[in-house]
Amino acid sequence: MPNTTVPATGGAMPNPQGPKLDESRDPTLLVLDAQNLLSEIKHLNEAIFLAAHGLGVRHHMNAITTVADIIEDKLLKVEEILDAARAAREVSL
């Protein structure tokens, strides 16, 4: 197996800045934008987790996967908050 990096495909990577924020949009759409961005972050975090398993050095791998797990837990909490905000918005309509 060659010891080289795999070239990235520019179109496959998410926009590093995320969607443009337009505060005049409906709050429900802003929540959906935030949830979409969270989904992208979760996929990137999963990629980090998977890449850590390829390092070959156990203590480095464990450190990275532990941080990835903490990030995942926090992302899930933010997702729960956004779900609650969206549900509250739908009830008020």
Protein backbone atom coordinates (compact mmCIF):
# COMPACT_ATOMS: atom_id res chain seq x y z
CA MET A 1 0.00 0.00 0.00
CA PRO A 2 1.59 3.30 -1.04
CA ASN A 3 2.33 5.84 1.67
CA THR A 4 0.68 8.81 -0.04
CA THR A 5 -2.32 10.97 0.61
CA VAL A 6 -5.51 10.56 -1.32
CA PRO A 7 -6.33 13.64 -3.41
CA ALA A 8 -9.50 15.34 -2.24
CA THR A 9 -12.35 15.99 -4.58
CA GLY A 10 -13.32 19.62 -4.10
CA GLY A 11 -17.00 19.06 -4.81
CA ALA A 12 -17.34 16.38 -2.14
CA MET A 13 -16.21 18.59 0.73
CA PRO A 14 -18.74 20.81 2.49
CA ASN A 15 -18.42 24.57 2.34
CA PRO A 16 -16.04 25.38 5.23
CA GLN A 17 -17.98 28.54 6.09
CA GLY A 18 -21.38 26.82 6.05
CA PRO A 19 -24.53 28.41 4.68
CA LYS A 20 -24.82 32.19 4.57
CA LEU A 21 -26.81 33.52 7.48
CA ASP A 22 -29.86 35.54 6.50
CA GLU A 23 -31.53 36.62 9.73
CA SER A 24 -34.60 37.85 7.85
CA ARG A 25 -35.55 34.24 7.00
CA ASP A 26 -38.25 32.34 8.84
CA PRO A 27 -36.87 31.02 12.17
CA THR A 28 -37.96 27.50 11.24
CA LEU A 29 -35.75 27.66 8.14
CA LEU A 30 -32.85 28.96 10.24
CA VAL A 31 -33.26 25.95 12.56
CA LEU A 32 -33.24 23.65 9.53
CA ASP A 33 -30.05 25.36 8.27
CA ALA A 34 -28.45 24.78 11.66
CA GLN A 35 -29.52 21.12 11.63
CA ASN A 36 -28.06 20.67 8.14
CA LEU A 37 -24.79 22.21 9.27
CA LEU A 38 -24.76 19.95 12.33
CA SER A 39 -25.21 16.97 10.04
CA GLU A 40 -22.15 18.02 8.02
CA ILE A 41 -20.15 18.45 11.22
CA LYS A 42 -21.21 15.00 12.41
CA HIS A 43 -19.97 13.46 9.15
CA LEU A 44 -16.64 15.28 9.44
CA ASN A 45 -16.30 14.11 13.03
CA GLU A 46 -16.99 10.54 11.94
CA ALA A 47 -14.27 10.88 9.30
CA ILE A 48 -11.82 11.97 12.01
CA PHE A 49 -12.88 9.02 14.17
CA LEU A 50 -12.33 6.57 11.29
CA ALA A 51 -9.00 8.16 10.34
CA ALA A 52 -7.80 7.78 13.93
CA HIS A 53 -8.13 4.01 13.60
CA GLY A 54 -5.64 4.11 10.73
CA LEU A 55 -2.88 5.79 12.75
CA GLY A 56 -1.43 2.55 14.10
CA VAL A 57 -0.29 4.13 17.38
CA ARG A 58 -2.74 3.02 20.05
CA HIS A 59 -2.43 5.99 22.45
CA HIS A 60 -2.77 8.51 19.59
CA MET A 61 -5.77 6.63 18.26
CA ASN A 62 -7.40 6.49 21.70
CA ALA A 63 -6.90 10.21 22.28
CA ILE A 64 -8.44 11.18 18.95
CA THR A 65 -11.37 8.79 19.20
CA THR A 66 -12.09 9.99 22.76
CA VAL A 67 -12.25 13.60 21.54
CA ALA A 68 -14.42 12.54 18.58
CA ASP A 69 -16.80 10.82 21.01
CA ILE A 70 -17.04 13.97 23.16
CA ILE A 71 -17.74 16.06 20.06
CA GLU A 72 -20.45 13.60 19.01
CA ASP A 73 -22.12 13.82 22.43
CA LYS A 74 -22.16 17.61 22.30
CA LEU A 75 -23.49 17.62 18.74
CA LEU A 76 -26.34 15.35 19.79
CA LYS A 77 -27.23 17.76 22.61
CA VAL A 78 -27.28 20.72 20.20
CA GLU A 79 -29.42 18.69 17.82
CA GLU A 80 -31.89 17.97 20.64
CA ILE A 81 -32.11 21.69 21.44
CA LEU A 82 -32.76 22.53 17.79
CA ASP A 83 -35.41 19.80 17.55
CA ALA A 84 -37.11 21.25 20.63
CA ALA A 85 -36.95 24.77 19.13
CA ARG A 86 -38.46 23.57 15.87
CA ALA A 87 -41.21 21.66 17.70
CA ALA A 88 -42.02 24.71 19.84
CA ARG A 89 -42.20 26.85 16.73
CA GLU A 90 -44.59 24.39 15.03
CA VAL A 91 -46.84 24.28 18.10
CA SER A 92 -47.05 28.10 18.22
CA LEU A 93 -48.20 28.31 14.60
